[in-house]
Amino acid sequence: MEEKRRSFVDTIIAKKGHLIHKLKAKDTTGRWAYYFVLVEAPREAAFLKAIEGDGTIDLEDFGKVVASCYGEEPSQEVKDYLKEKYGFEV
């Protein structure tokens, strides 16, 4: 079976799985969603403090959203995407 080649950026993200934060939160429309956010180490403390604040933050201020979906749990589509693209098990 031929392995897909990752882009340079995807390869870097795949190596930083320990920096991916999985969040369940309501979006601006009030719908439950799951977000997988890459937060680099220098921003992690500020990010963790912000998510414990009033509950309103812009995730992109702290990192890169690598995947998201609506629902009470991560969708199978997102799980498959993260596995295929970055090698992450959710």
C-alpha atoms as a PDB file:
ATOM      1  CA  MET A   1       0.000   0.000   0.000  1.00  0.00           C
ATOM      2  CA  GLU A   2       1.440   3.344  -1.063  1.00  0.00           C
ATOM      3  CA  GLU A   3       1.839   5.907   1.725  1.00  0.00           C
ATOM      4  CA  LYS A   4       0.604   9.427   1.000  1.00  0.00           C
ATOM      5  CA  ARG A   5       3.239  12.129   1.125  1.00  0.00           C
ATOM      6  CA  ARG A   6       2.658  14.939   3.584  1.00  0.00           C
ATOM      7  CA  SER A   7       3.354  18.567   2.842  1.00  0.00           C
ATOM      8  CA  PHE A   8       6.159  20.209   4.822  1.00  0.00           C
ATOM      9  CA  VAL A   9       3.616  22.000   7.063  1.00  0.00           C
ATOM     10  CA  ASP A  10       1.652  18.783   7.669  1.00  0.00           C
ATOM     11  CA  THR A  11       4.879  16.973   8.569  1.00  0.00           C
ATOM     12  CA  ILE A  12       5.716  19.668  11.142  1.00  0.00           C
ATOM     13  CA  ILE A  13       2.195  19.476  12.630  1.00  0.00           C
ATOM     14  CA  ALA A  14       2.394  15.664  12.753  1.00  0.00           C
ATOM     15  CA  LYS A  15       5.569  15.945  14.847  1.00  0.00           C
ATOM     16  CA  LYS A  16       3.842  18.313  17.286  1.00  0.00           C
ATOM     17  CA  GLY A  17       0.937  16.115  18.341  1.00  0.00           C
ATOM     18  CA  HIS A  18       1.775  16.791  21.985  1.00  0.00           C
ATOM     19  CA  LEU A  19       0.887  20.449  21.347  1.00  0.00           C
ATOM     20  CA  ILE A  20      -2.597  19.705  19.996  1.00  0.00           C
ATOM     21  CA  HIS A  21      -5.407  20.664  22.367  1.00  0.00           C
ATOM     22  CA  LYS A  22      -8.835  19.042  21.960  1.00  0.00           C
ATOM     23  CA  LEU A  23     -11.640  21.352  23.060  1.00  0.00           C
ATOM     24  CA  LYS A  24     -15.377  20.949  23.270  1.00  0.00           C
ATOM     25  CA  ALA A  25     -17.005  24.366  23.251  1.00  0.00           C
ATOM     26  CA  LYS A  26     -19.900  26.330  21.873  1.00  0.00           C
ATOM     27  CA  ASP A  27     -19.169  28.388  18.794  1.00  0.00           C
ATOM     28  CA  THR A  28     -20.468  31.902  18.177  1.00  0.00           C
ATOM     29  CA  THR A  29     -23.854  30.495  17.104  1.00  0.00           C
ATOM     30  CA  GLY A  30     -24.260  28.507  20.337  1.00  0.00           C
ATOM     31  CA  ARG A  31     -23.716  25.092  18.728  1.00  0.00           C
ATOM     32  CA  TRP A  32     -21.469  22.510  20.392  1.00  0.00           C
ATOM     33  CA  ALA A  33     -18.294  21.867  18.449  1.00  0.00           C
ATOM     34  CA  TYR A  34     -14.967  20.092  18.818  1.00  0.00           C
ATOM     35  CA  TYR A  35     -11.773  21.924  17.954  1.00  0.00           C
ATOM     36  CA  PHE A  36      -8.268  20.524  17.589  1.00  0.00           C
ATOM     37  CA  VAL A  37      -5.863  23.418  18.073  1.00  0.00           C
ATOM     38  CA  LEU A  38      -2.093  23.431  17.665  1.00  0.00           C
ATOM     39  CA  VAL A  39      -0.755  25.764  20.359  1.00  0.00           C
ATOM     40  CA  GLU A  40       2.995  26.301  20.342  1.00  0.00           C
ATOM     41  CA  ALA A  41       4.717  26.001  23.742  1.00  0.00           C
ATOM     42  CA  PRO A  42       5.347  29.765  24.217  1.00  0.00           C
ATOM     43  CA  ARG A  43       1.580  30.465  23.881  1.00  0.00           C
ATOM     44  CA  GLU A  44       0.336  27.466  25.875  1.00  0.00           C
ATOM     45  CA  ALA A  45       0.165  29.109  29.328  1.00  0.00           C
ATOM     46  CA  ALA A  46      -1.753  32.104  27.944  1.00  0.00           C
ATOM     47  CA  PHE A  47      -4.065  29.751  26.037  1.00  0.00           C
ATOM     48  CA  LEU A  48      -4.834  27.631  29.112  1.00  0.00           C
ATOM     49  CA  LYS A  49      -5.521  30.771  31.147  1.00  0.00           C
ATOM     50  CA  ALA A  50      -7.794  32.168  28.411  1.00  0.00           C
ATOM     51  CA  ILE A  51      -9.948  29.031  28.138  1.00  0.00           C
ATOM     52  CA  GLU A  52     -10.591  29.203  31.877  1.00  0.00           C
ATOM     53  CA  GLY A  53     -11.649  32.843  31.579  1.00  0.00           C
ATOM     54  CA  ASP A  54     -15.099  34.065  30.610  1.00  0.00           C
ATOM     55  CA  GLY A  55     -15.386  31.425  27.894  1.00  0.00           C
ATOM     56  CA  THR A  56     -15.017  33.760  24.946  1.00  0.00           C
ATOM     57  CA  ILE A  57     -11.747  33.496  23.036  1.00  0.00           C
ATOM     58  CA  ASP A  58     -10.574  33.486  19.447  1.00  0.00           C
ATOM     59  CA  LEU A  59      -8.671  30.233  19.063  1.00  0.00           C
ATOM     60  CA  GLU A  60      -6.667  31.653  16.177  1.00  0.00           C
ATOM     61  CA  ASP A  61      -5.134  34.190  18.604  1.00  0.00           C
ATOM     62  CA  PHE A  62      -3.321  31.293  20.275  1.00  0.00           C
ATOM     63  CA  GLY A  63      -2.704  28.729  17.573  1.00  0.00           C
ATOM     64  CA  LYS A  64      -3.865  26.993  14.442  1.00  0.00           C
ATOM     65  CA  VAL A  65      -7.143  25.068  14.305  1.00  0.00           C
ATOM     66  CA  VAL A  66      -6.149  21.895  12.452  1.00  0.00           C
ATOM     67  CA  ALA A  67      -9.636  20.324  12.524  1.00  0.00           C
ATOM     68  CA  SER A  68     -13.116  20.956  13.867  1.00  0.00           C
ATOM     69  CA  CYS A  69     -16.623  19.558  13.722  1.00  0.00           C
ATOM     70  CA  TYR A  70     -20.033  20.079  15.254  1.00  0.00           C
ATOM     71  CA  GLY A  71     -21.507  17.650  17.759  1.00  0.00           C
ATOM     72  CA  GLU A  72     -21.148  16.139  21.194  1.00  0.00           C
ATOM     73  CA  GLU A  73     -18.173  14.005  20.098  1.00  0.00           C
ATOM     74  CA  PRO A  74     -15.557  14.262  17.347  1.00  0.00           C
ATOM     75  CA  SER A  75     -17.079  12.940  14.123  1.00  0.00           C
ATOM     76  CA  GLN A  76     -15.688   9.852  12.434  1.00  0.00           C
ATOM     77  CA  GLU A  77     -14.826  12.068   9.466  1.00  0.00           C
ATOM     78  CA  VAL A  78     -12.610  14.286  11.649  1.00  0.00           C
ATOM     79  CA  LYS A  79     -11.035  11.266  13.345  1.00  0.00           C
ATOM     80  CA  ASP A  80     -10.224   9.766   9.941  1.00  0.00           C
ATOM     81  CA  TYR A  81      -8.894  13.116   8.666  1.00  0.00           C
ATOM     82  CA  LEU A  82      -6.558  13.556  11.657  1.00  0.00           C
ATOM     83  CA  LYS A  83      -5.333   9.959  11.348  1.00  0.00           C
ATOM     84  CA  GLU A  84      -4.689  10.203   7.612  1.00  0.00           C
ATOM     85  CA  LYS A  85      -3.249  13.709   7.511  1.00  0.00           C
ATOM     86  CA  TYR A  86      -1.174  13.762  10.725  1.00  0.00           C
ATOM     87  CA  GLY A  87      -1.169  10.230  12.109  1.00  0.00           C
ATOM     88  CA  PHE A  88      -3.141  11.296  15.217  1.00  0.00           C
ATOM     89  CA  GLU A  89      -5.393   8.836  17.050  1.00  0.00           C
ATOM     90  CA  VAL A  90      -8.471  10.496  18.549  1.00  0.00           C
END
